[in-house]
Amino acid sequence: MPSIIGGKYKRAKIEVPSKLVRPTSALKREAIFSILESYALQNSIDIYKNKSIIDIFAGSGLIGLEAISRGMKKSYFIENNKNVFQILKNNCDKICKNNEYEIIFEKAINGINREFEIKPSIIFIDPPYNQENINSILIQILQNNIKYKDTM
């Protein structure tokens, strides 16, 4: 069972639905957040305070929950697999306060077609193999002005 690797919920265990998702390994999560935090530090950007992360194809929610643990104000999880949804909700309820997350139960292309109350500093996209057209999702993000100047 994977766990949060940094921040105030470090070592909290996260449930992962077997065979339905492939969770991002601790080593990869550490690398991702190290790169993001290094870039933010070099450019005097606070990626956590009063900001959000949009975790597209959220699965168990590991990336968004890791961001919450490190100080992110809110995580938006986009997931449309009904078999994964309840595990994602249980993980969010375990780690987050109610106002720290929102689960959007829709296909990715539809889930990003909205206004996000809290400006995202990170948009994380990790789709299942060969199941989504990433280009159309990226175009939708740009057309909907979800990505801001400092969004990574």
Protein backbone atom coordinates (compact mmCIF):
# COMPACT_ATOMS: atom_id res chain seq x y z
CA MET A 1 0.00 0.00 0.00
CA PRO A 2 1.60 3.30 -1.07
CA SER A 3 1.91 6.24 1.27
CA ILE A 4 2.29 10.01 1.15
CA ILE A 5 6.02 10.84 1.02
CA GLY A 6 6.16 14.48 2.10
CA GLY A 7 4.45 17.17 4.11
CA LYS A 8 2.11 17.04 7.07
CA TYR A 9 0.55 13.67 6.12
CA LYS A 10 3.86 11.95 5.41
CA ARG A 11 3.58 8.16 5.80
CA ALA A 12 -0.25 8.15 5.59
CA LYS A 13 -1.28 5.02 3.71
CA ILE A 14 -3.32 5.37 0.53
CA GLU A 15 -5.62 2.63 -0.75
CA VAL A 16 -5.12 1.65 -4.39
CA PRO A 17 -7.64 -0.35 -6.40
CA SER A 18 -5.76 -3.40 -7.58
CA LYS A 19 -5.52 -3.91 -11.34
CA LEU A 20 -7.61 -0.80 -12.09
CA VAL A 21 -4.94 1.89 -11.75
CA ARG A 22 -1.17 2.09 -11.76
CA PRO A 23 -0.19 4.41 -8.90
CA THR A 24 2.72 6.78 -9.41
CA SER A 25 5.65 5.30 -7.50
CA ALA A 26 7.18 7.09 -4.51
CA LEU A 27 10.40 7.64 -6.46
CA LYS A 28 8.54 9.29 -9.36
CA ARG A 29 6.39 11.41 -7.03
CA GLU A 30 9.50 12.60 -5.21
CA ALA A 31 11.11 13.51 -8.55
CA ILE A 32 7.96 15.31 -9.78
CA PHE A 33 7.59 17.43 -6.64
CA SER A 34 11.31 18.08 -6.42
CA ILE A 35 11.34 19.45 -9.97
CA LEU A 36 8.19 21.55 -9.40
CA GLU A 37 9.43 22.96 -6.09
CA SER A 38 12.89 23.70 -7.50
CA TYR A 39 11.38 25.57 -10.47
CA ALA A 40 9.07 27.49 -8.13
CA LEU A 41 11.96 28.44 -5.85
CA GLN A 42 14.13 29.62 -8.75
CA ASN A 43 11.27 31.75 -10.09
CA SER A 44 9.94 33.03 -6.73
CA ILE A 45 6.59 31.30 -7.19
CA ASP A 46 4.60 29.86 -4.30
CA ILE A 47 2.94 26.83 -5.88
CA TYR A 48 0.99 25.87 -2.75
CA LYS A 49 -0.42 28.92 -0.94
CA ASN A 50 -3.96 29.71 -2.11
CA LYS A 51 -3.46 27.52 -5.18
CA SER A 52 -4.85 24.23 -6.46
CA ILE A 53 -3.81 21.19 -8.42
CA ILE A 54 -5.94 19.57 -11.10
CA ASP A 55 -5.21 15.83 -11.10
CA ILE A 56 -6.63 14.49 -14.36
CA PHE A 57 -7.10 10.69 -14.46
CA ALA A 58 -6.72 10.83 -10.68
CA GLY A 59 -7.01 7.11 -9.89
CA SER A 60 -6.27 6.68 -6.18
CA GLY A 61 -5.49 10.41 -5.90
CA LEU A 62 -1.85 10.03 -4.88
CA ILE A 63 -0.56 13.11 -6.74
CA GLY A 64 -3.30 15.47 -5.56
CA LEU A 65 -3.12 14.13 -2.00
CA GLU A 66 0.65 14.55 -2.01
CA ALA A 67 0.10 18.19 -3.01
CA ILE A 68 -2.44 18.68 -0.18
CA SER A 69 0.05 17.19 2.27
CA ARG A 70 2.67 19.70 1.09
CA GLY A 71 0.37 22.70 1.58
CA MET A 72 -1.82 22.98 -1.52
CA LYS A 73 -5.14 24.69 -0.71
CA LYS A 74 -7.28 22.42 -2.90
CA SER A 75 -7.05 19.40 -5.17
CA TYR A 76 -9.46 18.87 -8.04
CA PHE A 77 -9.60 15.19 -8.97
CA ILE A 78 -11.00 14.24 -12.37
CA GLU A 79 -11.85 10.54 -12.63
CA ASN A 80 -14.56 8.69 -14.54
CA ASN A 81 -13.97 5.08 -13.54
CA LYS A 82 -16.87 4.13 -11.26
CA ASN A 83 -14.83 1.24 -9.81
CA VAL A 84 -12.12 3.67 -8.68
CA PHE A 85 -14.38 6.51 -7.51
CA GLN A 86 -15.20 5.20 -4.02
CA ILE A 87 -11.56 4.41 -3.23
CA LEU A 88 -10.57 7.90 -4.38
CA LYS A 89 -13.29 9.41 -2.17
CA ASN A 90 -12.19 7.31 0.82
CA ASN A 91 -8.57 8.44 0.33
CA CYS A 92 -9.65 12.09 0.09
CA ASP A 93 -11.82 11.80 3.21
CA LYS A 94 -8.89 10.24 5.08
CA ILE A 95 -6.34 12.94 4.14
CA CYS A 96 -8.30 16.12 3.38
CA LYS A 97 -10.73 18.42 5.04
CA ASN A 98 -14.00 18.74 3.06
CA ASN A 99 -13.07 22.05 1.46
CA GLU A 100 -9.62 20.82 0.36
CA TYR A 101 -10.83 18.60 -2.46
CA GLU A 102 -13.43 18.20 -5.16
CA ILE A 103 -13.94 15.03 -7.15
CA ILE A 104 -15.26 15.58 -10.66
CA PHE A 105 -16.79 12.32 -11.88
CA GLU A 106 -16.59 12.84 -15.65
CA LYS A 107 -14.44 12.02 -18.64
CA ALA A 108 -11.32 14.18 -18.63
CA ILE A 109 -12.32 16.24 -21.66
CA ASN A 110 -15.63 17.15 -19.96
CA GLY A 111 -14.21 17.48 -16.45
CA ILE A 112 -11.87 20.29 -17.43
CA ASN A 113 -14.66 22.15 -19.19
CA ARG A 114 -15.53 24.28 -16.15
CA GLU A 115 -14.32 27.12 -13.99
CA PHE A 116 -12.10 26.15 -11.10
CA GLU A 117 -12.74 28.27 -8.02
CA ILE A 118 -9.09 28.23 -6.92
CA LYS A 119 -6.41 29.02 -9.50
CA PRO A 120 -4.34 25.94 -10.38
CA SER A 121 -0.58 26.11 -10.10
CA ILE A 122 -0.23 22.50 -11.28
CA ILE A 123 -2.16 20.51 -13.87
CA PHE A 124 -1.15 16.85 -13.74
CA ILE A 125 -2.21 14.51 -16.56
CA ASP A 126 -1.40 10.80 -16.35
CA PRO A 127 -3.86 8.88 -18.56
CA PRO A 128 -4.35 5.14 -18.88
CA TYR A 129 -2.36 3.73 -21.78
CA ASN A 130 -3.98 4.35 -25.19
CA GLN A 131 -7.30 5.50 -23.78
CA GLU A 132 -7.41 9.25 -24.23
CA ASN A 133 -6.35 11.81 -26.78
CA ILE A 134 -4.03 14.05 -24.74
CA ASN A 135 -3.86 16.66 -27.49
CA SER A 136 -7.60 17.35 -27.25
CA ILE A 137 -7.33 17.68 -23.47
CA LEU A 138 -4.42 20.13 -23.76
CA ILE A 139 -6.30 22.17 -26.35
CA GLN A 140 -9.35 22.27 -24.06
CA ILE A 141 -7.19 23.47 -21.14
CA LEU A 142 -5.82 26.33 -23.26
CA GLN A 143 -9.20 27.25 -24.78
CA ASN A 144 -10.86 27.36 -21.36
CA ASN A 145 -8.05 29.54 -19.92
CA ILE A 146 -7.41 27.03 -17.12
CA LYS A 147 -3.65 27.43 -17.50
CA TYR A 148 -2.31 30.67 -16.11
CA LYS A 149 1.12 32.25 -16.59
CA ASP A 150 2.64 30.39 -13.64
CA THR A 151 0.72 27.12 -14.02
CA MET A 152 2.96 24.11 -14.46
